Structures are given as C-alpha cells and as structure tokens.
C-alpha cells in the first residue's frame, strides 16, 4: 500500500524527529499530542531543528517552508482518521500505549497500519488490543531521528507480510532509512546488546572503578565509539534507560540487564540527563 499521510502520536524528542524527517521527505504529517502546550513544544522542536539545518546549509529556506507546510499540529485523535500509517511515539508506559492503540483502532480506516516506536515493550501486547493485529508492526527509530539512519522493523506472530513490506518501503524508499528486521523480543537487536554495556558502565562509575570522563574517553579512544556510554545514557534519558533495562530484565531474567541502583536513584531524583540538565554530567 502507498503511504502518503502519516500520523505521529507524541511530539517529544523521538516524535518530533520522525515528524521532521517525514515532512522533509514530502509526506503529509498529522502530529498529535495530549495538550496545546505539548503540541507547541513539539512544533518548536521541529521548527528550531529545521532553522539550524538552514544555518548549516543542509536545507534551504524553500525546502524548510515546504516541510513546515506538510505538518498539521493537533490535540485531537480524530484528526488522524485520514492517515495510512500512524506511528505511536508516546512515553514508555504500556497502559498508555494500549489506550492509544484501542482508540486509534476505532478511528482509522480498516486498511491503515499502526506502528509503535517503543524501545522496550512487546509489540504483540499493543497489537492485541486492536481488531487489526495483522496491521500492527514495530518501527523503532533512533535518536536523533533526523540523523540516525537505522529503523528496526519488528514483526509479531500476527503481523502480515504486506504490513511488514509497507513499513519497510516507507522507511527505506520514502524516509531514506536503513531497515533491519527482528523478532518481537524485548530489546530487539540494538538495545538487547546496548543496554548491558551501558548498565555495566554505570556500575563501574558507581563502584568507583573510574570517573565518568575516563570511562567515556576510554571507550571513545579505545573502541572507536563516537560517544562514551555515560554520555550516551544522558542523551537517551536515564528514565528511558531505566524503563528499557527493567523490560529486558523482566523478559530474560539475566542479571546483566538489571538496572544499577545508582540509575534508580538518579531517576527518582529527577536527574534524567540532558533533558533535565543533570545526569552523569551537568548541561
């Protein structure tokens, strides 16, 4: 199926990036968030990002204006009715996601696809609250979506081949991303490998094995990583790190997925990384 109108639910860091990428690709985008303040913040993120792209010479004014004109901002779920595909990028709360999928199922055309950008929850759990489980798929983008090329496409036991093919084609042919496929297992490919590494770096820091700058510098210079593990954790968001680690630990019951005590304390203290100005570093 041709996907010409995209809905995005959630206009935070991930949602705003997906919105921008799609709008710049010429897709009609309907962006929805829960209240006017959230919508205004999301619009500010997208417009600010595109303005910076113009300053850097990555985008011209005409293309910026055309992309902005492709986006409709709303607080109303009913406004998503014309969408061929809706990507849910709401906070990592399973009950919230189930409620969104249930509502979308009653709004969208019978042939429309619903995707979730979840980084941690089983896709089948949101698929089965709908009457279109065959048209539900995971499309996991990476932050920042305007830069990162990867999309993990996750099929459940119920996802149809046609749905997966449509998700692949939209990500690759329209958005210019690279797709990898994986089964519906917590962590998919990237986070299943990445989270134990990041948690181990936190344990090293918590135990006084090395300072945060030295841990990060060692991995950048010794392993060729563009960012160190604690810098990366701050960028991802320590709350997101905690949710993802808990989900992996619940699924696999392996000790190396367990969130370090320090991570729990930092999240409880509101020290979530870049988005709050304080994490393993101050911003």
C-alpha atoms as a PDB file:
ATOM      1  CA  UNK A   1       0.000   0.000   0.000  1.00  0.00           C
ATOM      2  CA  UNK A   2       1.135   3.559  -0.659  1.00  0.00           C
ATOM      3  CA  UNK A   3       1.641   5.620   2.479  1.00  0.00           C
ATOM      4  CA  UNK A   4       1.095   9.298   1.723  1.00  0.00           C
ATOM      5  CA  UNK A   5      -0.341  10.544   5.020  1.00  0.00           C
ATOM      6  CA  UNK A   6       1.480   9.801   8.270  1.00  0.00           C
ATOM      7  CA  UNK A   7       0.203  10.315  11.790  1.00  0.00           C
ATOM      8  CA  UNK A   8       2.620  10.689  14.695  1.00  0.00           C
ATOM      9  CA  UNK A   9       1.391  10.478  18.284  1.00  0.00           C
ATOM     10  CA  UNK A  10       3.787  12.129  20.711  1.00  0.00           C
ATOM     11  CA  UNK A  11       5.845  15.186  19.806  1.00  0.00           C
ATOM     12  CA  UNK A  12       8.742  14.764  22.219  1.00  0.00           C
ATOM     13  CA  UNK A  13      12.327  14.041  21.229  1.00  0.00           C
ATOM     14  CA  UNK A  14      11.553  10.931  19.168  1.00  0.00           C
ATOM     15  CA  UNK A  15       8.198  12.011  17.771  1.00  0.00           C
ATOM     16  CA  UNK A  16       9.425  15.417  16.673  1.00  0.00           C
ATOM     17  CA  UNK A  17      12.366  13.816  14.872  1.00  0.00           C
ATOM     18  CA  UNK A  18      10.100  11.407  12.985  1.00  0.00           C
ATOM     19  CA  UNK A  19       7.764  14.288  12.112  1.00  0.00           C
ATOM     20  CA  UNK A  20      10.637  16.342  10.720  1.00  0.00           C
ATOM     21  CA  UNK A  21      12.127  13.504   8.673  1.00  0.00           C
ATOM     22  CA  UNK A  22       8.755  12.669   7.107  1.00  0.00           C
ATOM     23  CA  UNK A  23       7.811  16.286   6.399  1.00  0.00           C
ATOM     24  CA  UNK A  24      11.146  16.937   4.684  1.00  0.00           C
ATOM     25  CA  UNK A  25      10.534  13.812   2.575  1.00  0.00           C
ATOM     26  CA  UNK A  26       7.314  15.364   1.255  1.00  0.00           C
ATOM     27  CA  UNK A  27       4.901  13.301   3.365  1.00  0.00           C
ATOM     28  CA  UNK A  28       1.707  14.856   4.711  1.00  0.00           C
ATOM     29  CA  UNK A  29       2.077  14.602   8.501  1.00  0.00           C
ATOM     30  CA  UNK A  30      -0.580  14.936  11.185  1.00  0.00           C
ATOM     31  CA  UNK A  31       1.188  15.427  14.528  1.00  0.00           C
ATOM     32  CA  UNK A  32      -0.844  14.888  17.683  1.00  0.00           C
ATOM     33  CA  UNK A  33      -0.029  15.374  21.352  1.00  0.00           C
ATOM     34  CA  UNK A  34      -2.058  15.437  24.515  1.00  0.00           C
ATOM     35  CA  UNK A  35      -2.475  19.179  25.095  1.00  0.00           C
ATOM     36  CA  UNK A  36      -1.700  22.540  23.455  1.00  0.00           C
ATOM     37  CA  UNK A  37       1.480  23.056  25.498  1.00  0.00           C
ATOM     38  CA  UNK A  38       2.916  19.719  24.352  1.00  0.00           C
ATOM     39  CA  UNK A  39       1.972  20.457  20.738  1.00  0.00           C
ATOM     40  CA  UNK A  40       3.575  23.908  20.935  1.00  0.00           C
ATOM     41  CA  UNK A  41       6.752  22.401  22.395  1.00  0.00           C
ATOM     42  CA  UNK A  42       6.883  19.784  19.629  1.00  0.00           C
ATOM     43  CA  UNK A  43       6.357  22.381  16.934  1.00  0.00           C
ATOM     44  CA  UNK A  44       9.139  24.458  18.470  1.00  0.00           C
ATOM     45  CA  UNK A  45      11.497  21.459  18.357  1.00  0.00           C
ATOM     46  CA  UNK A  46      10.789  20.769  14.690  1.00  0.00           C
ATOM     47  CA  UNK A  47      10.951  24.395  13.563  1.00  0.00           C
ATOM     48  CA  UNK A  48      14.101  25.010  15.617  1.00  0.00           C
ATOM     49  CA  UNK A  49      15.795  21.941  14.176  1.00  0.00           C
ATOM     50  CA  UNK A  50      14.959  22.933  10.607  1.00  0.00           C
ATOM     51  CA  UNK A  51      16.140  26.505  11.227  1.00  0.00           C
ATOM     52  CA  UNK A  52      19.502  25.132  12.399  1.00  0.00           C
ATOM     53  CA  UNK A  53      19.662  22.946   9.276  1.00  0.00           C
ATOM     54  CA  UNK A  54      19.216  26.085   7.166  1.00  0.00           C
ATOM     55  CA  UNK A  55      22.005  27.831   9.106  1.00  0.00           C
ATOM     56  CA  UNK A  56      24.326  24.870   8.451  1.00  0.00           C
ATOM     57  CA  UNK A  57      23.492  24.818   4.759  1.00  0.00           C
ATOM     58  CA  UNK A  58      21.818  21.390   4.981  1.00  0.00           C
ATOM     59  CA  UNK A  59      18.420  22.790   3.988  1.00  0.00           C
ATOM     60  CA  UNK A  60      17.350  25.861   2.020  1.00  0.00           C
ATOM     61  CA  UNK A  61      14.558  28.238   3.010  1.00  0.00           C
ATOM     62  CA  UNK A  62      12.182  26.965   0.345  1.00  0.00           C
ATOM     63  CA  UNK A  63      12.586  23.353   1.467  1.00  0.00           C
ATOM     64  CA  UNK A  64      12.159  24.384   5.112  1.00  0.00           C
ATOM     65  CA  UNK A  65       8.939  26.242   4.321  1.00  0.00           C
ATOM     66  CA  UNK A  66       7.631  23.324   2.236  1.00  0.00           C
ATOM     67  CA  UNK A  67       8.367  20.847   5.031  1.00  0.00           C
ATOM     68  CA  UNK A  68       6.668  23.049   7.633  1.00  0.00           C
ATOM     69  CA  UNK A  69       3.606  23.310   5.384  1.00  0.00           C
ATOM     70  CA  UNK A  70       3.374  19.499   5.264  1.00  0.00           C
ATOM     71  CA  UNK A  71       2.660  19.310   9.022  1.00  0.00           C
ATOM     72  CA  UNK A  72      -0.695  19.742  10.743  1.00  0.00           C
ATOM     73  CA  UNK A  73      -0.496  20.042  14.538  1.00  0.00           C
ATOM     74  CA  UNK A  74      -3.400  18.884  16.687  1.00  0.00           C
ATOM     75  CA  UNK A  75      -4.548  17.667  20.091  1.00  0.00           C
ATOM     76  CA  UNK A  76      -7.445  15.662  18.616  1.00  0.00           C
ATOM     77  CA  UNK A  77      -7.102  11.930  17.987  1.00  0.00           C
ATOM     78  CA  UNK A  78      -9.984  12.113  15.488  1.00  0.00           C
ATOM     79  CA  UNK A  79      -7.826  14.273  13.208  1.00  0.00           C
ATOM     80  CA  UNK A  80      -5.703  11.168  12.494  1.00  0.00           C
ATOM     81  CA  UNK A  81      -8.564   9.496  10.594  1.00  0.00           C
ATOM     82  CA  UNK A  82      -7.076  10.149   7.089  1.00  0.00           C
ATOM     83  CA  UNK A  83      -3.720   8.525   7.926  1.00  0.00           C
ATOM     84  CA  UNK A  84      -2.399   5.494   6.064  1.00  0.00           C
ATOM     85  CA  UNK A  85       0.120   4.861   8.840  1.00  0.00           C
ATOM     86  CA  UNK A  86       0.246   6.122  12.429  1.00  0.00           C
ATOM     87  CA  UNK A  87       3.473   5.846  14.436  1.00  0.00           C
ATOM     88  CA  UNK A  88       2.951   5.975  18.193  1.00  0.00           C
ATOM     89  CA  UNK A  89       5.857   7.688  19.956  1.00  0.00           C
ATOM     90  CA  UNK A  90       4.258   8.279  23.351  1.00  0.00           C
ATOM     91  CA  UNK A  91       6.128   7.820  26.665  1.00  0.00           C
ATOM     92  CA  UNK A  92       7.167   4.281  27.605  1.00  0.00           C
ATOM     93  CA  UNK A  93       4.037   3.369  29.560  1.00  0.00           C
ATOM     94  CA  UNK A  94       2.351   0.173  28.399  1.00  0.00           C
ATOM     95  CA  UNK A  95      -1.109   1.086  29.673  1.00  0.00           C
ATOM     96  CA  UNK A  96      -0.907   4.429  27.865  1.00  0.00           C
ATOM     97  CA  UNK A  97       0.153   2.734  24.635  1.00  0.00           C
ATOM     98  CA  UNK A  98      -2.677   0.203  24.872  1.00  0.00           C
ATOM     99  CA  UNK A  99      -5.181   3.016  25.366  1.00  0.00           C
ATOM    100  CA  UNK A 100      -3.810   4.844  22.314  1.00  0.00           C
ATOM    101  CA  UNK A 101      -3.967   1.725  20.126  1.00  0.00           C
ATOM    102  CA  UNK A 102      -7.518   0.962  21.244  1.00  0.00           C
ATOM    103  CA  UNK A 103      -8.643   4.479  20.359  1.00  0.00           C
ATOM    104  CA  UNK A 104      -6.802   4.517  17.036  1.00  0.00           C
ATOM    105  CA  UNK A 105      -8.379   1.212  16.035  1.00  0.00           C
ATOM    106  CA  UNK A 106     -11.791   2.829  16.148  1.00  0.00           C
ATOM    107  CA  UNK A 107     -10.724   5.940  14.221  1.00  0.00           C
ATOM    108  CA  UNK A 108      -8.584   4.724  11.317  1.00  0.00           C
ATOM    109  CA  UNK A 109      -9.617   3.154   8.032  1.00  0.00           C
ATOM    110  CA  UNK A 110      -9.628  -0.641   8.146  1.00  0.00           C
ATOM    111  CA  UNK A 111      -6.533  -0.844   5.910  1.00  0.00           C
ATOM    112  CA  UNK A 112      -4.426   1.635   7.907  1.00  0.00           C
ATOM    113  CA  UNK A 113      -1.293   0.425   9.671  1.00  0.00           C
ATOM    114  CA  UNK A 114      -0.463   1.241  13.293  1.00  0.00           C
ATOM    115  CA  UNK A 115       3.197   1.165  14.355  1.00  0.00           C
ATOM    116  CA  UNK A 116       4.837   1.687  17.715  1.00  0.00           C
ATOM    117  CA  UNK A 117       8.234   3.250  18.263  1.00  0.00           C
ATOM    118  CA  UNK A 118       8.604   1.530  21.639  1.00  0.00           C
ATOM    119  CA  UNK A 119      12.149   0.647  22.617  1.00  0.00           C
ATOM    120  CA  UNK A 120      11.208  -1.931  25.221  1.00  0.00           C
ATOM    121  CA  UNK A 121       7.663  -3.325  25.277  1.00  0.00           C
ATOM    122  CA  UNK A 122       6.437  -6.395  23.343  1.00  0.00           C
ATOM    123  CA  UNK A 123       4.649  -5.255  20.195  1.00  0.00           C
ATOM    124  CA  UNK A 124       2.089  -8.053  20.476  1.00  0.00           C
ATOM    125  CA  UNK A 125       0.699  -6.558  23.698  1.00  0.00           C
ATOM    126  CA  UNK A 126      -0.452  -3.395  21.922  1.00  0.00           C
ATOM    127  CA  UNK A 127      -1.428  -5.279  18.764  1.00  0.00           C
ATOM    128  CA  UNK A 128      -3.892  -7.497  20.599  1.00  0.00           C
ATOM    129  CA  UNK A 129      -5.984  -4.631  21.975  1.00  0.00           C
ATOM    130  CA  UNK A 130      -6.963  -3.882  18.359  1.00  0.00           C
ATOM    131  CA  UNK A 131      -9.058  -5.716  15.783  1.00  0.00           C
ATOM    132  CA  UNK A 132      -6.220  -5.347  13.258  1.00  0.00           C
ATOM    133  CA  UNK A 133      -3.316  -7.242  14.828  1.00  0.00           C
ATOM    134  CA  UNK A 134      -2.140  -8.159  11.323  1.00  0.00           C
ATOM    135  CA  UNK A 135      -1.674  -4.438  10.595  1.00  0.00           C
ATOM    136  CA  UNK A 136       0.399  -3.653  13.706  1.00  0.00           C
ATOM    137  CA  UNK A 137       4.194  -3.505  13.496  1.00  0.00           C
ATOM    138  CA  UNK A 138       7.130  -2.104  15.421  1.00  0.00           C
ATOM    139  CA  UNK A 139       9.096   0.730  13.788  1.00  0.00           C
ATOM    140  CA  UNK A 140      11.870   1.634  16.203  1.00  0.00           C
ATOM    141  CA  UNK A 141      13.692   4.815  15.193  1.00  0.00           C
ATOM    142  CA  UNK A 142      16.832   6.054  16.932  1.00  0.00           C
ATOM    143  CA  UNK A 143      17.567   9.424  18.490  1.00  0.00           C
ATOM    144  CA  UNK A 144      18.092  11.837  16.825  1.00  0.00           C
ATOM    145  CA  UNK A 145      15.829  10.506  14.082  1.00  0.00           C
ATOM    146  CA  UNK A 146      16.944  13.323  11.766  1.00  0.00           C
ATOM    147  CA  UNK A 147      20.487  11.902  11.802  1.00  0.00           C
ATOM    148  CA  UNK A 148      20.375   8.216  12.714  1.00  0.00           C
ATOM    149  CA  UNK A 149      19.828   6.009   9.658  1.00  0.00           C
ATOM    150  CA  UNK A 150      18.528   2.869  11.359  1.00  0.00           C
ATOM    151  CA  UNK A 151      14.937   1.705  11.782  1.00  0.00           C
ATOM    152  CA  UNK A 152      14.286  -1.669  13.412  1.00  0.00           C
ATOM    153  CA  UNK A 153      11.140  -3.194  11.901  1.00  0.00           C
ATOM    154  CA  UNK A 154       9.636  -5.712  14.306  1.00  0.00           C
ATOM    155  CA  UNK A 155       7.011  -8.246  13.263  1.00  0.00           C
ATOM    156  CA  UNK A 156       4.821 -10.071  15.766  1.00  0.00           C
ATOM    157  CA  UNK A 157       3.300 -13.513  15.321  1.00  0.00           C
ATOM    158  CA  UNK A 158       0.285 -11.728  13.834  1.00  0.00           C
ATOM    159  CA  UNK A 159       1.933  -9.096  11.583  1.00  0.00           C
ATOM    160  CA  UNK A 160       1.148  -9.775   7.922  1.00  0.00           C
ATOM    161  CA  UNK A 161       3.790  -9.865   5.214  1.00  0.00           C
ATOM    162  CA  UNK A 162       2.003  -6.977   3.484  1.00  0.00           C
ATOM    163  CA  UNK A 163       2.262  -4.834   6.622  1.00  0.00           C
ATOM    164  CA  UNK A 164       5.955  -5.542   7.031  1.00  0.00           C
ATOM    165  CA  UNK A 165       6.578  -4.815   3.349  1.00  0.00           C
ATOM    166  CA  UNK A 166       4.724  -1.495   3.594  1.00  0.00           C
ATOM    167  CA  UNK A 167       6.668  -0.486   6.725  1.00  0.00           C
ATOM    168  CA  UNK A 168       9.959  -1.421   5.026  1.00  0.00           C
ATOM    169  CA  UNK A 169       9.129   0.538   1.886  1.00  0.00           C
ATOM    170  CA  UNK A 170       8.077   3.639   3.815  1.00  0.00           C
ATOM    171  CA  UNK A 171      11.223   3.622   5.970  1.00  0.00           C
ATOM    172  CA  UNK A 172      13.621   2.991   3.094  1.00  0.00           C
ATOM    173  CA  UNK A 173      12.101   4.419  -0.091  1.00  0.00           C
ATOM    174  CA  UNK A 174      10.342   7.430   1.439  1.00  0.00           C
ATOM    175  CA  UNK A 175      12.353   8.337   4.552  1.00  0.00           C
ATOM    176  CA  UNK A 176      15.744   7.167   3.288  1.00  0.00           C
ATOM    177  CA  UNK A 177      16.462   4.948   6.306  1.00  0.00           C
ATOM    178  CA  UNK A 178      18.134   1.545   6.556  1.00  0.00           C
ATOM    179  CA  UNK A 179      15.996  -1.287   7.933  1.00  0.00           C
ATOM    180  CA  UNK A 180      16.922  -4.328   9.979  1.00  0.00           C
ATOM    181  CA  UNK A 181      14.347  -6.982  10.870  1.00  0.00           C
ATOM    182  CA  UNK A 182      13.948  -8.694  14.192  1.00  0.00           C
ATOM    183  CA  UNK A 183      11.524 -10.787  16.178  1.00  0.00           C
ATOM    184  CA  UNK A 184       9.218  -9.367  18.823  1.00  0.00           C
ATOM    185  CA  UNK A 185      11.575  -9.822  21.761  1.00  0.00           C
ATOM    186  CA  UNK A 186      12.442  -7.205  24.384  1.00  0.00           C
ATOM    187  CA  UNK A 187      15.344  -5.045  23.236  1.00  0.00           C
ATOM    188  CA  UNK A 188      15.014  -6.117  19.586  1.00  0.00           C
ATOM    189  CA  UNK A 189      18.615  -6.007  18.218  1.00  0.00           C
ATOM    190  CA  UNK A 190      20.257  -2.781  19.340  1.00  0.00           C
ATOM    191  CA  UNK A 191      19.008  -2.444  22.909  1.00  0.00           C
ATOM    192  CA  UNK A 192      19.458  -6.131  23.648  1.00  0.00           C
ATOM    193  CA  UNK A 193      23.188  -5.564  23.059  1.00  0.00           C
ATOM    194  CA  UNK A 194      23.467  -1.931  24.116  1.00  0.00           C
ATOM    195  CA  UNK A 195      21.692  -1.887  27.491  1.00  0.00           C
ATOM    196  CA  UNK A 196      24.023  -4.362  29.291  1.00  0.00           C
ATOM    197  CA  UNK A 197      27.007  -2.300  28.071  1.00  0.00           C
ATOM    198  CA  UNK A 198      25.525   0.969  29.333  1.00  0.00           C
ATOM    199  CA  UNK A 199      24.474  -0.557  32.654  1.00  0.00           C
ATOM    200  CA  UNK A 200      27.952  -2.004  33.172  1.00  0.00           C
ATOM    201  CA  UNK A 201      29.470   1.449  32.625  1.00  0.00           C
ATOM    202  CA  UNK A 202      27.121   2.811  35.296  1.00  0.00           C
ATOM    203  CA  UNK A 203      28.202   0.039  37.699  1.00  0.00           C
ATOM    204  CA  UNK A 204      31.868   0.854  37.047  1.00  0.00           C
ATOM    205  CA  UNK A 205      31.209   4.510  37.870  1.00  0.00           C
ATOM    206  CA  UNK A 206      29.055   3.662  40.907  1.00  0.00           C
ATOM    207  CA  UNK A 207      31.766   1.366  42.299  1.00  0.00           C
ATOM    208  CA  UNK A 208      34.485   3.995  41.866  1.00  0.00           C
ATOM    209  CA  UNK A 209      36.341   1.987  39.249  1.00  0.00           C
ATOM    210  CA  UNK A 210      36.904   5.099  37.117  1.00  0.00           C
ATOM    211  CA  UNK A 211      35.497   8.605  36.682  1.00  0.00           C
ATOM    212  CA  UNK A 212      32.691   9.296  34.195  1.00  0.00           C
ATOM    213  CA  UNK A 213      35.005  11.253  31.839  1.00  0.00           C
ATOM    214  CA  UNK A 214      37.624   8.494  31.932  1.00  0.00           C
ATOM    215  CA  UNK A 215      35.085   5.736  31.242  1.00  0.00           C
ATOM    216  CA  UNK A 216      33.726   7.684  28.277  1.00  0.00           C
ATOM    217  CA  UNK A 217      37.155   8.689  26.965  1.00  0.00           C
ATOM    218  CA  UNK A 218      38.372   5.084  27.177  1.00  0.00           C
ATOM    219  CA  UNK A 219      35.508   3.801  25.034  1.00  0.00           C
ATOM    220  CA  UNK A 220      35.802   6.613  22.503  1.00  0.00           C
ATOM    221  CA  UNK A 221      39.555   6.275  22.032  1.00  0.00           C
ATOM    222  CA  UNK A 222      39.906   2.563  22.769  1.00  0.00           C
ATOM    223  CA  UNK A 223      36.868   1.202  20.958  1.00  0.00           C
ATOM    224  CA  UNK A 224      36.225   3.921  18.390  1.00  0.00           C
ATOM    225  CA  UNK A 225      32.784   4.804  19.730  1.00  0.00           C
ATOM    226  CA  UNK A 226      31.533   8.300  18.819  1.00  0.00           C
ATOM    227  CA  UNK A 227      30.146   8.774  22.343  1.00  0.00           C
ATOM    228  CA  UNK A 228      31.050   7.194  25.657  1.00  0.00           C
ATOM    229  CA  UNK A 229      28.453   5.055  27.470  1.00  0.00           C
ATOM    230  CA  UNK A 230      27.612   7.591  30.176  1.00  0.00           C
ATOM    231  CA  UNK A 231      27.349  10.468  27.685  1.00  0.00           C
ATOM    232  CA  UNK A 232      25.088   8.289  25.575  1.00  0.00           C
ATOM    233  CA  UNK A 233      22.934   7.361  28.568  1.00  0.00           C
ATOM    234  CA  UNK A 234      22.458  11.051  29.361  1.00  0.00           C
ATOM    235  CA  UNK A 235      21.429  11.717  25.769  1.00  0.00           C
ATOM    236  CA  UNK A 236      18.968   8.794  25.678  1.00  0.00           C
ATOM    237  CA  UNK A 237      17.450   9.873  29.008  1.00  0.00           C
ATOM    238  CA  UNK A 238      18.039   7.991  32.242  1.00  0.00           C
ATOM    239  CA  UNK A 239      14.304   7.428  32.681  1.00  0.00           C
ATOM    240  CA  UNK A 240      14.197   5.729  29.281  1.00  0.00           C
ATOM    241  CA  UNK A 241      17.292   3.718  30.253  1.00  0.00           C
ATOM    242  CA  UNK A 242      15.542   2.547  33.419  1.00  0.00           C
ATOM    243  CA  UNK A 243      12.327   1.534  31.626  1.00  0.00           C
ATOM    244  CA  UNK A 244      14.276  -0.346  28.970  1.00  0.00           C
ATOM    245  CA  UNK A 245      16.535  -2.162  31.425  1.00  0.00           C
ATOM    246  CA  UNK A 246      13.533  -3.194  33.532  1.00  0.00           C
ATOM    247  CA  UNK A 247      11.737  -4.526  30.457  1.00  0.00           C
ATOM    248  CA  UNK A 248      14.770  -6.559  29.386  1.00  0.00           C
ATOM    249  CA  UNK A 249      15.282  -7.906  32.902  1.00  0.00           C
ATOM    250  CA  UNK A 250      11.609  -8.890  33.130  1.00  0.00           C
ATOM    251  CA  UNK A 251      11.805 -10.704  29.786  1.00  0.00           C
ATOM    252  CA  UNK A 252      15.107 -12.564  30.159  1.00  0.00           C
ATOM    253  CA  UNK A 253      15.786 -12.629  33.933  1.00  0.00           C
ATOM    254  CA  UNK A 254      19.502 -12.134  33.305  1.00  0.00           C
ATOM    255  CA  UNK A 255      21.454 -10.197  35.945  1.00  0.00           C
ATOM    256  CA  UNK A 256      23.331  -8.079  33.401  1.00  0.00           C
ATOM    257  CA  UNK A 257      20.034  -6.449  32.328  1.00  0.00           C
ATOM    258  CA  UNK A 258      19.147  -5.359  35.881  1.00  0.00           C
ATOM    259  CA  UNK A 259      19.194  -1.566  36.350  1.00  0.00           C
ATOM    260  CA  UNK A 260      22.054  -0.466  38.632  1.00  0.00           C
ATOM    261  CA  UNK A 261      20.908   1.026  41.974  1.00  0.00           C
ATOM    262  CA  UNK A 262      22.500   4.367  41.031  1.00  0.00           C
ATOM    263  CA  UNK A 263      20.307   4.577  37.914  1.00  0.00           C
ATOM    264  CA  UNK A 264      17.172   4.109  40.026  1.00  0.00           C
ATOM    265  CA  UNK A 265      18.296   6.812  42.483  1.00  0.00           C
ATOM    266  CA  UNK A 266      19.130   9.305  39.742  1.00  0.00           C
ATOM    267  CA  UNK A 267      15.742   8.836  38.093  1.00  0.00           C
ATOM    268  CA  UNK A 268      13.999   9.199  41.471  1.00  0.00           C
ATOM    269  CA  UNK A 269      15.935  12.457  41.975  1.00  0.00           C
ATOM    270  CA  UNK A 270      14.815  13.809  38.597  1.00  0.00           C
ATOM    271  CA  UNK A 271      18.351  13.651  37.206  1.00  0.00           C
ATOM    272  CA  UNK A 272      17.415  12.319  33.777  1.00  0.00           C
ATOM    273  CA  UNK A 273      20.350  13.520  31.667  1.00  0.00           C
ATOM    274  CA  UNK A 274      20.385  16.217  29.023  1.00  0.00           C
ATOM    275  CA  UNK A 275      16.647  16.887  29.131  1.00  0.00           C
ATOM    276  CA  UNK A 276      16.780  17.978  32.786  1.00  0.00           C
ATOM    277  CA  UNK A 277      20.273  19.498  32.712  1.00  0.00           C
ATOM    278  CA  UNK A 278      21.747  16.937  35.102  1.00  0.00           C
ATOM    279  CA  UNK A 279      22.704  13.298  34.706  1.00  0.00           C
ATOM    280  CA  UNK A 280      26.180  11.811  34.808  1.00  0.00           C
ATOM    281  CA  UNK A 281      27.207  15.284  33.591  1.00  0.00           C
ATOM    282  CA  UNK A 282      25.802  18.795  34.059  1.00  0.00           C
ATOM    283  CA  UNK A 283      24.390  20.568  30.992  1.00  0.00           C
END
